């Protein structure tokens, strides 16, 4: 009798009358696991934290309840700054968050999440899933005793909230800006003074004038924090986060111990949770932006001068880091080459179509989208 005659889909259930024969194989291929997943996000960020909930749910359902994963918000087990160490040393089995939170350990970690002037969300997914990037990322992560799989993307974020208008690079001089990671280093090159603050401290810092500006995520998440009341100028785009991606990080040993079926389940669950994250932001940001503008937010695009200065400062920074960090150089050059090929294609069809549709929507005489 063939093995498939004994097993249900996924290898968890048993065919009638076969339980005695198949049980040892089932126990081995579908173990009962109880894991803890520490998110780097608070529960108030329901789209970002929600990906952990979705991942846990799908793993539970696809194993008929044999793989139980309990998500915890940042700070419930460990804080965001300690999360990478926690999964590396086995305090928790896995975490969920972006690599750029740990840029102080190695700037290479930022590239797996996002760095200024890189790709959009679809291009980043292409790079991770089809461009060979994920294998390079896990090669780099192996000495840290972790293994990562892609787990979502917010899409391009906003440039942040400013107490006053910034029209030129000169307006950035001395500006105290809540921004971290490599983006903070780029803004420092442009004359700003980067400040690192957790989300809960941003509003009072803006209100007291301790900082002059702050970036967070985008309309849906920013609306909850009420920045428009004290820093009304809302700039776009967040050129340092064209496609900030997050990963599910596993302890390397824990990942390697998983049965092959569970690894595939984890990949499928992460992909679905990540797809939902991007879809939720794309669906919820428009209405949130309308509400913010109605409430007093004043939308402003970053000037061409600021964007060009940021692009120049970013490339200078990448060259400086590459000169002394071989891992960064390897992953950055791989990402840059992929990005350049992607935009070669983007300018032909994607951008042309989007540009026309945006103009058509705004034009009173143009064809109206139906």
Protein backbone atom coordinates (compact mmCIF):
# COMPACT_ATOMS: atom_id res chain seq x y z
CA UNK A 1 0.00 0.00 0.00
CA UNK A 2 1.37 3.40 -0.97
CA UNK A 3 2.07 6.01 1.72
CA UNK A 4 -0.44 8.46 0.28
CA UNK A 5 -3.20 5.95 1.02
CA UNK A 6 -2.50 6.36 4.74
CA UNK A 7 -2.34 10.14 4.96
CA UNK A 8 -4.54 13.18 4.55
CA UNK A 9 -3.45 16.39 2.82
CA UNK A 10 -0.42 17.81 4.62
CA UNK A 11 0.44 14.46 6.23
CA UNK A 12 -1.44 15.21 9.46
CA UNK A 13 -4.60 13.06 9.40
CA UNK A 14 -4.92 9.28 9.04
CA UNK A 15 -6.89 7.20 6.57
CA UNK A 16 -9.54 4.95 8.04
CA UNK A 17 -8.07 1.72 9.39
CA UNK A 18 -4.47 2.86 8.96
CA UNK A 19 -3.81 4.58 12.29
CA UNK A 20 -1.71 1.81 13.79
CA UNK A 21 0.63 1.61 10.82
CA UNK A 22 0.92 5.32 10.02
CA UNK A 23 1.05 6.86 13.49
CA UNK A 24 4.86 6.72 13.93
CA UNK A 25 5.39 8.40 10.55
CA UNK A 26 2.81 11.05 11.40
CA UNK A 27 4.35 11.81 14.76
CA UNK A 28 7.69 12.25 13.10
CA UNK A 29 6.56 14.37 10.14
CA UNK A 30 4.03 16.54 12.00
CA UNK A 31 5.30 17.15 15.54
CA UNK A 32 3.38 19.19 18.07
CA UNK A 33 5.21 22.47 18.59
CA UNK A 34 4.54 25.46 20.83
CA UNK A 35 6.50 28.52 19.81
CA UNK A 36 6.67 32.17 20.82
CA UNK A 37 6.88 34.94 18.22
CA UNK A 38 8.06 38.32 19.47
CA UNK A 39 7.01 41.17 17.18
CA UNK A 40 9.04 44.37 17.06
CA UNK A 41 5.78 46.33 16.74
CA UNK A 42 3.07 47.40 19.20
CA UNK A 43 -0.44 46.01 18.77
CA UNK A 44 -1.68 49.51 17.88
CA UNK A 45 0.05 49.08 14.51
CA UNK A 46 -2.54 46.52 13.49
CA UNK A 47 -1.23 46.12 9.95
CA UNK A 48 2.36 45.46 11.03
CA UNK A 49 1.65 43.50 14.20
CA UNK A 50 -1.28 41.86 12.43
CA UNK A 51 1.12 40.01 10.14
CA UNK A 52 2.34 38.03 13.15
CA UNK A 53 -1.22 37.11 14.06
CA UNK A 54 -1.92 36.01 10.49
CA UNK A 55 1.28 33.98 10.28
CA UNK A 56 0.47 32.15 13.52
CA UNK A 57 -3.10 31.51 12.40
CA UNK A 58 -2.10 30.02 9.06
CA UNK A 59 0.58 27.77 10.57
CA UNK A 60 -1.97 26.55 13.11
CA UNK A 61 -4.61 25.84 10.48
CA UNK A 62 -2.29 24.16 7.97
CA UNK A 63 -1.02 21.73 10.61
CA UNK A 64 -4.46 20.98 12.10
CA UNK A 65 -3.38 22.74 15.28
CA UNK A 66 -0.11 20.86 15.77
CA UNK A 67 2.06 23.98 15.33
CA UNK A 68 0.96 26.60 17.85
CA UNK A 69 2.67 29.99 17.65
CA UNK A 70 1.77 32.72 20.13
CA UNK A 71 2.56 36.28 18.97
CA UNK A 72 3.69 38.89 21.51
CA UNK A 73 3.89 42.64 20.98
CA UNK A 74 7.15 44.52 21.39
CA UNK A 75 8.01 44.74 25.07
CA UNK A 76 5.85 41.85 26.23
CA UNK A 77 8.79 39.44 26.19
CA UNK A 78 11.61 41.62 24.90
CA UNK A 79 11.75 45.14 23.55
CA UNK A 80 12.41 45.91 19.92
CA UNK A 81 16.13 46.63 20.49
CA UNK A 82 16.66 43.23 22.12
CA UNK A 83 14.57 41.14 19.70
CA UNK A 84 17.41 40.13 17.39
CA UNK A 85 19.49 38.92 20.32
CA UNK A 86 16.46 37.08 21.71
CA UNK A 87 15.98 34.97 18.59
CA UNK A 88 19.72 34.52 18.11
CA UNK A 89 20.26 33.13 21.61
CA UNK A 90 17.05 31.07 21.72
CA UNK A 91 15.03 33.17 24.19
CA UNK A 92 12.23 33.03 21.60
CA UNK A 93 11.86 30.79 18.58
CA UNK A 94 11.17 33.62 16.14
CA UNK A 95 10.60 37.37 15.75
CA UNK A 96 9.02 39.64 13.16
CA UNK A 97 10.52 42.96 12.15
CA UNK A 98 12.75 44.93 9.74
CA UNK A 99 16.50 44.53 9.55
CA UNK A 100 17.17 48.27 9.63
CA UNK A 101 16.29 48.33 13.33
CA UNK A 102 19.70 46.73 13.90
CA UNK A 103 21.83 48.89 11.64
CA UNK A 104 24.05 49.69 14.64
CA UNK A 105 25.17 46.08 14.69
CA UNK A 106 25.90 45.97 10.98
CA UNK A 107 24.63 48.34 8.25
CA UNK A 108 24.17 45.31 5.99
CA UNK A 109 21.06 44.49 8.00
CA UNK A 110 19.44 47.66 6.68
CA UNK A 111 19.57 46.46 3.08
CA UNK A 112 17.34 43.47 3.82
CA UNK A 113 14.63 45.95 4.94
CA UNK A 114 15.27 49.13 2.95
CA UNK A 115 17.78 51.87 2.34
CA UNK A 116 17.27 55.30 0.73
CA UNK A 117 16.55 55.43 -2.99
CA UNK A 118 16.38 51.70 -3.65
CA UNK A 119 13.21 49.98 -4.98
CA UNK A 120 9.44 50.00 -4.81
CA UNK A 121 7.49 47.18 -3.16
CA UNK A 122 6.99 45.00 -6.21
CA UNK A 123 10.61 45.37 -7.24
CA UNK A 124 11.78 44.44 -3.75
CA UNK A 125 9.63 41.32 -3.75
CA UNK A 126 11.05 40.39 -7.14
CA UNK A 127 14.57 40.86 -5.77
CA UNK A 128 13.86 38.73 -2.69
CA UNK A 129 11.85 35.94 -4.29
CA UNK A 130 13.30 35.75 -7.80
CA UNK A 131 16.47 37.82 -7.82
CA UNK A 132 18.53 35.63 -5.49
CA UNK A 133 18.65 38.17 -2.67
CA UNK A 134 17.13 36.00 0.03
CA UNK A 135 19.85 33.38 -0.31
CA UNK A 136 22.50 36.11 0.04
CA UNK A 137 20.68 37.52 3.07
CA UNK A 138 20.61 34.16 4.84
CA UNK A 139 24.23 33.56 3.99
CA UNK A 140 25.01 36.81 5.78
CA UNK A 141 22.70 36.00 8.71
CA UNK A 142 24.09 32.52 9.38
CA UNK A 143 26.88 33.72 11.75
CA UNK A 144 24.19 35.54 13.75
CA UNK A 145 22.45 32.19 14.27
CA UNK A 146 19.26 33.28 12.53
CA UNK A 147 17.37 32.41 9.35
CA UNK A 148 14.87 34.82 7.77
CA UNK A 149 12.03 34.69 5.27
CA UNK A 150 10.19 37.72 3.80
CA UNK A 151 7.16 38.75 5.84
CA UNK A 152 5.55 41.86 4.42
CA UNK A 153 5.99 45.34 3.00
CA UNK A 154 4.31 48.66 3.76
CA UNK A 155 4.84 50.16 0.32
CA UNK A 156 6.43 53.59 -0.03
CA UNK A 157 6.16 55.54 3.20
CA UNK A 158 5.63 59.25 3.76
CA UNK A 159 8.41 61.73 4.34
CA UNK A 160 7.11 62.84 7.71
CA UNK A 161 5.60 65.69 9.68
CA UNK A 162 7.32 69.09 9.89
CA UNK A 163 6.58 72.08 12.09
CA UNK A 164 7.64 74.40 9.25
CA UNK A 165 8.04 74.11 5.48
CA UNK A 166 11.28 72.77 4.05
CA UNK A 167 11.73 73.95 0.48
CA UNK A 168 15.49 73.76 0.05
CA UNK A 169 18.44 71.88 1.48
CA UNK A 170 19.26 75.02 3.46
CA UNK A 171 15.98 74.55 5.35
CA UNK A 172 17.27 71.22 6.67
CA UNK A 173 20.31 72.74 8.36
CA UNK A 174 20.12 72.02 12.08
CA UNK A 175 16.62 70.58 11.80
CA UNK A 176 16.07 68.02 14.58
CA UNK A 177 14.43 65.14 12.77
CA UNK A 178 13.17 61.89 14.32
CA UNK A 179 14.69 59.39 11.90
CA UNK A 180 17.05 56.49 12.42
CA UNK A 181 19.35 54.04 10.66
CA UNK A 182 21.07 54.74 7.37
CA UNK A 183 18.32 57.25 6.56
CA UNK A 184 19.42 59.25 9.59
CA UNK A 185 23.00 59.19 8.35
CA UNK A 186 21.88 60.43 4.93
CA UNK A 187 19.87 63.28 6.47
CA UNK A 188 22.87 64.14 8.64
CA UNK A 189 24.94 64.54 5.48
CA UNK A 190 22.27 66.96 4.28
CA UNK A 191 22.55 69.05 7.44
CA UNK A 192 19.72 67.67 9.60
CA UNK A 193 20.25 66.38 13.14
CA UNK A 194 18.75 62.85 13.37
CA UNK A 195 17.00 61.87 16.58
CA UNK A 196 16.04 58.33 17.61
CA UNK A 197 12.76 58.14 19.50
CA UNK A 198 10.19 55.34 19.99
CA UNK A 199 6.72 55.98 18.62
CA UNK A 200 5.18 56.88 21.96
CA UNK A 201 7.69 59.67 22.57
CA UNK A 202 7.32 61.45 19.23
CA UNK A 203 4.18 63.52 19.88
CA UNK A 204 5.35 65.05 23.19
CA UNK A 205 8.77 65.77 21.67
CA UNK A 206 7.15 67.62 18.77
CA UNK A 207 4.79 69.42 21.13
CA UNK A 208 7.65 70.64 23.36
CA UNK A 209 9.80 71.59 20.39
CA UNK A 210 12.48 69.06 21.34
CA UNK A 211 12.33 67.93 17.73
CA UNK A 212 11.27 69.81 14.61
CA UNK A 213 10.04 66.94 12.47
CA UNK A 214 9.33 63.21 12.59
CA UNK A 215 8.73 60.40 10.16
CA UNK A 216 6.62 57.39 11.08
CA UNK A 217 4.92 55.22 8.45
CA UNK A 218 2.08 56.57 6.32
CA UNK A 219 -1.44 57.99 6.56
CA UNK A 220 -3.17 54.98 8.13
CA UNK A 221 -0.69 54.63 10.98
CA UNK A 222 0.24 58.32 11.26
CA UNK A 223 -3.38 59.35 11.74
CA UNK A 224 -3.50 57.53 15.08
CA UNK A 225 -0.69 59.65 16.52
CA UNK A 226 -2.23 63.08 15.86
CA UNK A 227 0.88 64.74 14.45
CA UNK A 228 -1.09 67.17 12.26
CA UNK A 229 -2.11 69.18 15.33
CA UNK A 230 1.45 70.31 16.02
CA UNK A 231 3.47 69.62 12.85
CA UNK A 232 1.02 70.29 10.02
CA UNK A 233 3.32 70.01 6.98
CA UNK A 234 3.12 66.44 5.69
CA UNK A 235 5.88 65.68 3.19
CA UNK A 236 6.24 62.97 0.58
CA UNK A 237 7.72 60.67 -0.51
CA UNK A 238 9.78 59.02 2.20
CA UNK A 239 12.70 58.56 -0.17
CA UNK A 240 14.54 56.55 2.47
CA UNK A 241 11.73 53.95 2.53
CA UNK A 242 10.55 53.24 -0.97
CA UNK A 243 9.64 49.68 0.00
CA UNK A 244 10.44 48.90 3.63
CA UNK A 245 10.18 45.15 4.07
CA UNK A 246 9.92 43.09 7.22
CA UNK A 247 11.03 39.52 7.80
CA UNK A 248 10.13 36.59 9.99
CA UNK A 249 13.38 35.66 11.74
CA UNK A 250 13.88 32.15 13.13
CA UNK A 251 16.56 30.79 15.37
CA UNK A 252 18.75 28.96 12.86
CA UNK A 253 18.66 25.71 14.81
CA UNK A 254 14.90 25.91 15.24
CA UNK A 255 14.43 26.42 11.51
CA UNK A 256 16.69 23.52 10.62
CA UNK A 257 14.83 21.22 13.02
CA UNK A 258 11.49 21.86 11.31
CA UNK A 259 10.19 19.08 9.06
CA UNK A 260 10.27 19.94 5.38
CA UNK A 261 6.46 20.25 5.33
CA UNK A 262 6.54 22.77 8.18
CA UNK A 263 9.16 24.85 6.40
CA UNK A 264 6.93 25.01 3.35
CA UNK A 265 3.96 25.90 5.54
CA UNK A 266 6.00 28.70 7.11
CA UNK A 267 6.94 30.04 3.68
CA UNK A 268 3.32 29.94 2.52
CA UNK A 269 2.03 31.56 5.73
CA UNK A 270 4.65 34.32 5.56
CA UNK A 271 3.88 35.04 1.91
CA UNK A 272 0.15 35.28 2.60
CA UNK A 273 0.65 37.46 5.69
CA UNK A 274 2.99 39.72 3.74
CA UNK A 275 0.57 40.06 0.84
CA UNK A 276 -2.18 41.02 3.27
CA UNK A 277 0.02 43.68 4.89
CA UNK A 278 0.68 45.50 1.62
CA UNK A 279 -2.95 45.15 0.54
CA UNK A 280 -4.21 46.58 3.82
CA UNK A 281 -1.97 49.64 3.55
CA UNK A 282 -2.91 50.21 -0.08
CA UNK A 283 -6.60 49.91 0.79
CA UNK A 284 -6.56 52.02 3.98
CA UNK A 285 -4.09 54.81 3.20
CA UNK A 286 -6.31 56.75 0.74
CA UNK A 287 -9.19 57.30 3.17
CA UNK A 288 -6.77 58.09 6.01
CA UNK A 289 -5.02 60.68 3.84
CA UNK A 290 -8.34 62.33 3.04
CA UNK A 291 -9.18 62.53 6.74
CA UNK A 292 -5.78 63.96 7.61
CA UNK A 293 -6.05 66.70 4.99
CA UNK A 294 -9.60 67.48 6.10
CA UNK A 295 -8.24 67.78 9.64
CA UNK A 296 -5.57 70.32 8.73
CA UNK A 297 -2.60 68.39 7.35
CA UNK A 298 -0.89 70.30 4.53
CA UNK A 299 0.55 67.98 1.90
CA UNK A 300 3.90 69.03 0.44
CA UNK A 301 6.21 67.21 -1.98
CA UNK A 302 9.92 67.29 -1.27
CA UNK A 303 11.52 69.61 -3.78
CA UNK A 304 13.65 68.32 -6.62
CA UNK A 305 16.63 69.99 -4.94
CA UNK A 306 16.11 68.01 -1.73
CA UNK A 307 15.56 64.73 -3.59
CA UNK A 308 18.70 65.17 -5.69
CA UNK A 309 20.76 66.13 -2.65
CA UNK A 310 19.43 63.08 -0.81
CA UNK A 311 20.28 60.80 -3.72
CA UNK A 312 23.83 62.19 -3.86
CA UNK A 313 24.31 61.88 -0.09
CA UNK A 314 22.98 58.31 -0.14
CA UNK A 315 25.41 57.18 -2.84
CA UNK A 316 28.29 58.82 -0.99
CA UNK A 317 27.32 56.99 2.20
CA UNK A 318 27.03 53.64 0.44
CA UNK A 319 30.48 54.08 -1.08
CA UNK A 320 31.92 54.95 2.33
CA UNK A 321 30.38 51.90 4.01
CA UNK A 322 31.28 49.59 1.12
CA UNK A 323 34.93 50.60 1.40
CA UNK A 324 35.12 49.11 4.90
CA UNK A 325 32.35 46.49 4.98
CA UNK A 326 32.56 43.66 2.43
CA UNK A 327 29.18 42.19 3.38
CA UNK A 328 27.44 45.51 2.83
CA UNK A 329 29.24 46.00 -0.48
CA UNK A 330 28.20 42.57 -1.74
CA UNK A 331 24.51 42.92 -0.91
CA UNK A 332 24.29 46.59 -1.89
CA UNK A 333 25.85 46.06 -5.32
CA UNK A 334 23.51 43.12 -5.90
CA UNK A 335 20.48 45.25 -4.96
CA UNK A 336 21.63 48.25 -6.99
CA UNK A 337 22.13 46.18 -10.15
CA UNK A 338 18.70 44.59 -9.76
CA UNK A 339 17.08 47.98 -9.11
CA UNK A 340 18.58 49.49 -12.23
CA UNK A 341 17.27 46.65 -14.40
CA UNK A 342 13.84 46.91 -12.81
CA UNK A 343 13.54 50.61 -13.56
CA UNK A 344 14.61 49.97 -17.14
CA UNK A 345 11.41 47.95 -17.43
CA UNK A 346 9.32 50.21 -15.19
CA UNK A 347 9.81 53.27 -17.39
CA UNK A 348 8.35 51.41 -20.35
CA UNK A 349 4.98 50.12 -19.16
CA UNK A 350 4.36 50.50 -15.42
CA UNK A 351 5.29 54.16 -15.05
CA UNK A 352 3.70 55.14 -18.36
CA UNK A 353 0.40 53.55 -17.42
CA UNK A 354 0.37 54.96 -13.87
CA UNK A 355 1.35 58.42 -15.05
CA UNK A 356 -1.46 58.51 -17.59
CA UNK A 357 -4.06 57.25 -15.11
CA UNK A 358 -3.05 59.83 -12.51
CA UNK A 359 -3.29 62.64 -15.06
CA UNK A 360 -6.60 61.28 -16.34
CA UNK A 361 -8.03 61.26 -12.86
CA UNK A 362 -6.93 64.84 -12.19
CA UNK A 363 -7.89 66.27 -15.56
CA UNK A 364 -11.42 67.69 -15.84
CA UNK A 365 -11.32 67.15 -19.61
CA UNK A 366 -9.56 63.80 -19.63
CA UNK A 367 -11.18 60.40 -19.62
CA UNK A 368 -12.48 59.46 -16.17
CA UNK A 369 -11.50 56.09 -14.72
CA UNK A 370 -14.51 53.79 -14.60
